[in-house]
Amino acid sequence: MEKLHKEKLNVLYSSPNIVQMIKSRRMRWAGHAARMGERGGVLMGKPVGERPLGRPRRSWEDNINMNLQEVGFGDVD
């Protein structure tokens, strides 16, 4: 029996790239939150409590900006 590798399985089942799917859905949610505006209140919260040690993790907003730059939209507020 032949061992199937990731590339061959992707071609065989034509599954979408999971990273691209996550980025796409993240940008879709960002558009939804932007359209909600003030009444949505999704992006208005601040975390409560102490910060963990080490380098700060990337925020959701930073990830959105990186995805938009990859697509070619640059910084959009």
N, C-alpha and C. Protein backbone atom coordinates (compact mmCIF):
# COMPACT_ATOMS: atom_id res chain seq x y z
N MET A 1 0.84 -1.18 0.00
CA MET A 1 0.00 0.00 0.00
C MET A 1 0.89 1.24 0.00
N GLU A 2 0.52 2.19 -0.85
CA GLU A 2 1.29 3.41 -1.00
C GLU A 2 0.97 4.41 0.11
N LYS A 3 2.01 5.08 0.61
CA LYS A 3 1.84 6.10 1.63
C LYS A 3 1.47 7.41 0.94
N LEU A 4 0.35 8.02 1.36
CA LEU A 4 -0.10 9.26 0.75
C LEU A 4 0.45 10.45 1.51
N HIS A 5 1.05 11.37 0.78
CA HIS A 5 1.60 12.58 1.39
C HIS A 5 0.60 13.72 1.31
N LYS A 6 0.87 14.78 2.07
CA LYS A 6 -0.06 15.88 2.20
C LYS A 6 -0.44 16.49 0.84
N GLU A 7 0.56 16.71 -0.03
CA GLU A 7 0.29 17.33 -1.32
C GLU A 7 -0.62 16.44 -2.17
N LYS A 8 -0.36 15.15 -2.14
CA LYS A 8 -1.16 14.22 -2.94
C LYS A 8 -2.59 14.14 -2.38
N LEU A 9 -2.72 14.16 -1.06
CA LEU A 9 -4.05 14.14 -0.46
C LEU A 9 -4.83 15.41 -0.80
N ASN A 10 -4.14 16.56 -0.80
CA ASN A 10 -4.81 17.82 -1.15
C ASN A 10 -5.32 17.79 -2.59
N VAL A 11 -4.51 17.23 -3.49
CA VAL A 11 -4.94 17.12 -4.89
C VAL A 11 -6.08 16.13 -5.00
N LEU A 12 -5.97 15.03 -4.29
CA LEU A 12 -6.97 13.97 -4.37
C LEU A 12 -8.33 14.44 -3.86
N TYR A 13 -8.34 15.12 -2.74
CA TYR A 13 -9.60 15.54 -2.14
C TYR A 13 -9.92 17.01 -2.40
N SER A 14 -9.03 17.69 -3.09
CA SER A 14 -9.16 19.12 -3.44
C SER A 14 -9.64 19.96 -2.24
N SER A 15 -9.01 19.74 -1.10
CA SER A 15 -9.35 20.50 0.09
C SER A 15 -8.67 21.87 0.03
N PRO A 16 -9.32 22.92 0.52
CA PRO A 16 -8.73 24.26 0.49
C PRO A 16 -7.59 24.36 1.50
N ASN A 17 -6.72 25.30 1.26
CA ASN A 17 -5.60 25.56 2.16
C ASN A 17 -6.16 26.12 3.47
N ILE A 18 -5.89 25.46 4.57
CA ILE A 18 -6.48 25.82 5.86
C ILE A 18 -6.04 27.21 6.31
N VAL A 19 -4.80 27.59 6.01
CA VAL A 19 -4.30 28.92 6.40
C VAL A 19 -5.07 30.00 5.65
N GLN A 20 -5.28 29.80 4.35
CA GLN A 20 -6.03 30.77 3.56
C GLN A 20 -7.48 30.84 4.02
N MET A 21 -8.04 29.71 4.41
CA MET A 21 -9.42 29.70 4.88
C MET A 21 -9.55 30.49 6.18
N ILE A 22 -8.60 30.33 7.09
CA ILE A 22 -8.63 31.05 8.37
C ILE A 22 -8.51 32.55 8.12
N LYS A 23 -7.57 32.94 7.24
CA LYS A 23 -7.39 34.36 6.94
C LYS A 23 -8.64 34.94 6.29
N SER A 24 -9.24 34.19 5.39
CA SER A 24 -10.45 34.65 4.72
C SER A 24 -11.58 34.87 5.72
N ARG A 25 -11.78 33.92 6.61
CA ARG A 25 -12.86 34.05 7.58
C ARG A 25 -12.58 35.15 8.59
N ARG A 26 -11.30 35.36 8.94
CA ARG A 26 -10.94 36.44 9.85
C ARG A 26 -11.26 37.79 9.22
N MET A 27 -10.93 37.94 7.92
CA MET A 27 -11.22 39.20 7.25
C MET A 27 -12.72 39.39 7.06
N ARG A 28 -13.46 38.30 6.84
CA ARG A 28 -14.92 38.41 6.73
C ARG A 28 -15.51 38.90 8.05
N TRP A 29 -15.02 38.36 9.16
CA TRP A 29 -15.51 38.78 10.48
C TRP A 29 -15.15 40.24 10.75
N ALA A 30 -13.94 40.67 10.31
CA ALA A 30 -13.53 42.05 10.51
C ALA A 30 -14.46 42.99 9.74
N GLY A 31 -14.85 42.61 8.53
CA GLY A 31 -15.80 43.41 7.76
C GLY A 31 -17.14 43.49 8.45
N HIS A 32 -17.58 42.38 9.00
CA HIS A 32 -18.85 42.36 9.74
C HIS A 32 -18.77 43.29 10.95
N ALA A 33 -17.69 43.20 11.71
CA ALA A 33 -17.53 44.03 12.91
C ALA A 33 -17.45 45.50 12.53
N ALA A 34 -16.80 45.81 11.41
CA ALA A 34 -16.68 47.20 10.97
C ALA A 34 -18.05 47.74 10.56
N ARG A 35 -18.86 46.93 9.91
CA ARG A 35 -20.19 47.38 9.51
C ARG A 35 -21.10 47.58 10.72
N MET A 36 -20.88 46.81 11.78
CA MET A 36 -21.69 46.94 12.98
C MET A 36 -21.46 48.29 13.65
N GLY A 37 -20.25 48.81 13.55
CA GLY A 37 -19.94 50.13 14.09
C GLY A 37 -20.09 50.20 15.60
N GLU A 38 -20.63 51.30 16.06
CA GLU A 38 -20.77 51.55 17.50
C GLU A 38 -21.71 50.59 18.19
N ARG A 39 -22.78 50.19 17.52
CA ARG A 39 -23.77 49.35 18.19
C ARG A 39 -23.28 47.93 18.42
N GLY A 40 -22.25 47.50 17.68
CA GLY A 40 -21.75 46.15 17.84
C GLY A 40 -20.89 46.00 19.09
N GLY A 41 -19.97 46.94 19.29
CA GLY A 41 -19.12 46.91 20.47
C GLY A 41 -18.16 45.73 20.51
N VAL A 42 -17.87 45.13 19.36
CA VAL A 42 -17.02 43.94 19.35
C VAL A 42 -15.58 44.29 19.64
N LEU A 43 -15.09 45.37 19.07
CA LEU A 43 -13.68 45.71 19.20
C LEU A 43 -13.41 46.75 20.27
N MET A 44 -14.36 47.02 21.12
CA MET A 44 -14.23 48.09 22.11
C MET A 44 -13.69 47.60 23.45
N GLY A 45 -13.67 46.31 23.73
CA GLY A 45 -13.31 45.80 25.04
C GLY A 45 -11.82 45.84 25.31
N LYS A 46 -11.48 45.93 26.57
CA LYS A 46 -10.09 45.87 27.03
C LYS A 46 -9.95 44.69 27.97
N PRO A 47 -8.86 43.93 27.86
CA PRO A 47 -8.68 42.79 28.76
C PRO A 47 -8.49 43.23 30.20
N VAL A 48 -8.92 42.40 31.11
CA VAL A 48 -8.82 42.69 32.53
C VAL A 48 -7.81 41.72 33.14
N GLY A 49 -6.99 42.20 34.07
CA GLY A 49 -6.05 41.33 34.75
C GLY A 49 -4.62 41.67 34.40
N GLU A 50 -3.71 40.80 34.86
CA GLU A 50 -2.29 41.02 34.62
C GLU A 50 -1.88 40.49 33.27
N ARG A 51 -0.81 41.07 32.73
CA ARG A 51 -0.29 40.61 31.45
C ARG A 51 0.69 39.46 31.70
N PRO A 52 0.75 38.50 30.78
CA PRO A 52 1.71 37.41 30.93
C PRO A 52 3.14 37.89 30.64
N LEU A 53 4.12 37.17 31.13
CA LEU A 53 5.51 37.51 30.89
C LEU A 53 5.86 37.23 29.43
N GLY A 54 6.90 37.92 28.94
CA GLY A 54 7.38 37.68 27.58
C GLY A 54 6.86 38.70 26.59
N ARG A 55 7.16 38.41 25.33
CA ARG A 55 6.75 39.29 24.24
C ARG A 55 5.24 39.26 24.11
N PRO A 56 4.62 40.43 23.91
CA PRO A 56 3.17 40.44 23.75
C PRO A 56 2.74 39.68 22.49
N ARG A 57 1.66 38.95 22.59
CA ARG A 57 1.14 38.24 21.45
C ARG A 57 0.53 39.23 20.48
N ARG A 58 0.47 38.83 19.22
CA ARG A 58 -0.16 39.69 18.23
C ARG A 58 -1.65 39.79 18.50
N SER A 59 -2.17 41.00 18.38
CA SER A 59 -3.60 41.19 18.62
C SER A 59 -4.38 40.79 17.38
N TRP A 60 -5.67 40.64 17.56
CA TRP A 60 -6.57 40.29 16.47
C TRP A 60 -6.50 41.36 15.39
N GLU A 61 -6.44 42.62 15.82
CA GLU A 61 -6.38 43.73 14.88
C GLU A 61 -5.07 43.72 14.08
N ASP A 62 -3.95 43.35 14.73
CA ASP A 62 -2.67 43.25 14.02
C ASP A 62 -2.73 42.17 12.95
N ASN A 63 -3.37 41.04 13.27
CA ASN A 63 -3.51 39.96 12.28
C ASN A 63 -4.34 40.42 11.09
N ILE A 64 -5.41 41.16 11.34
CA ILE A 64 -6.25 41.67 10.25
C ILE A 64 -5.45 42.60 9.36
N ASN A 65 -4.68 43.50 9.96
CA ASN A 65 -3.87 44.43 9.17
C ASN A 65 -2.83 43.69 8.34
N MET A 66 -2.22 42.64 8.89
CA MET A 66 -1.26 41.84 8.13
C MET A 66 -1.94 41.15 6.96
N ASN A 67 -3.13 40.59 7.17
CA ASN A 67 -3.87 39.94 6.09
C ASN A 67 -4.24 40.92 5.00
N LEU A 68 -4.66 42.12 5.39
CA LEU A 68 -5.03 43.13 4.40
C LEU A 68 -3.81 43.58 3.59
N GLN A 69 -2.63 43.67 4.21
CA GLN A 69 -1.43 44.02 3.49
C GLN A 69 -1.06 42.93 2.49
N GLU A 70 -1.25 41.66 2.86
CA GLU A 70 -0.97 40.55 1.94
C GLU A 70 -1.86 40.64 0.70
N VAL A 71 -3.10 41.05 0.90
CA VAL A 71 -4.05 41.14 -0.21
C VAL A 71 -3.79 42.40 -1.04
N GLY A 72 -3.20 43.43 -0.42
CA GLY A 72 -2.86 44.64 -1.15
C GLY A 72 -3.70 45.84 -0.77
N PHE A 73 -4.38 45.81 0.37
CA PHE A 73 -5.18 46.93 0.81
C PHE A 73 -4.44 47.86 1.76
N GLY A 74 -3.30 47.46 2.30
CA GLY A 74 -2.55 48.30 3.23
C GLY A 74 -3.29 48.46 4.54
N ASP A 75 -3.01 49.56 5.25
CA ASP A 75 -3.68 49.81 6.54
C ASP A 75 -5.04 50.45 6.29
N VAL A 76 -6.08 49.75 6.71
CA VAL A 76 -7.45 50.25 6.60
C VAL A 76 -8.02 50.29 7.99
N ASP A 77 -8.58 51.42 8.40
CA ASP A 77 -9.17 51.55 9.73
C ASP A 77 -10.63 51.22 9.72
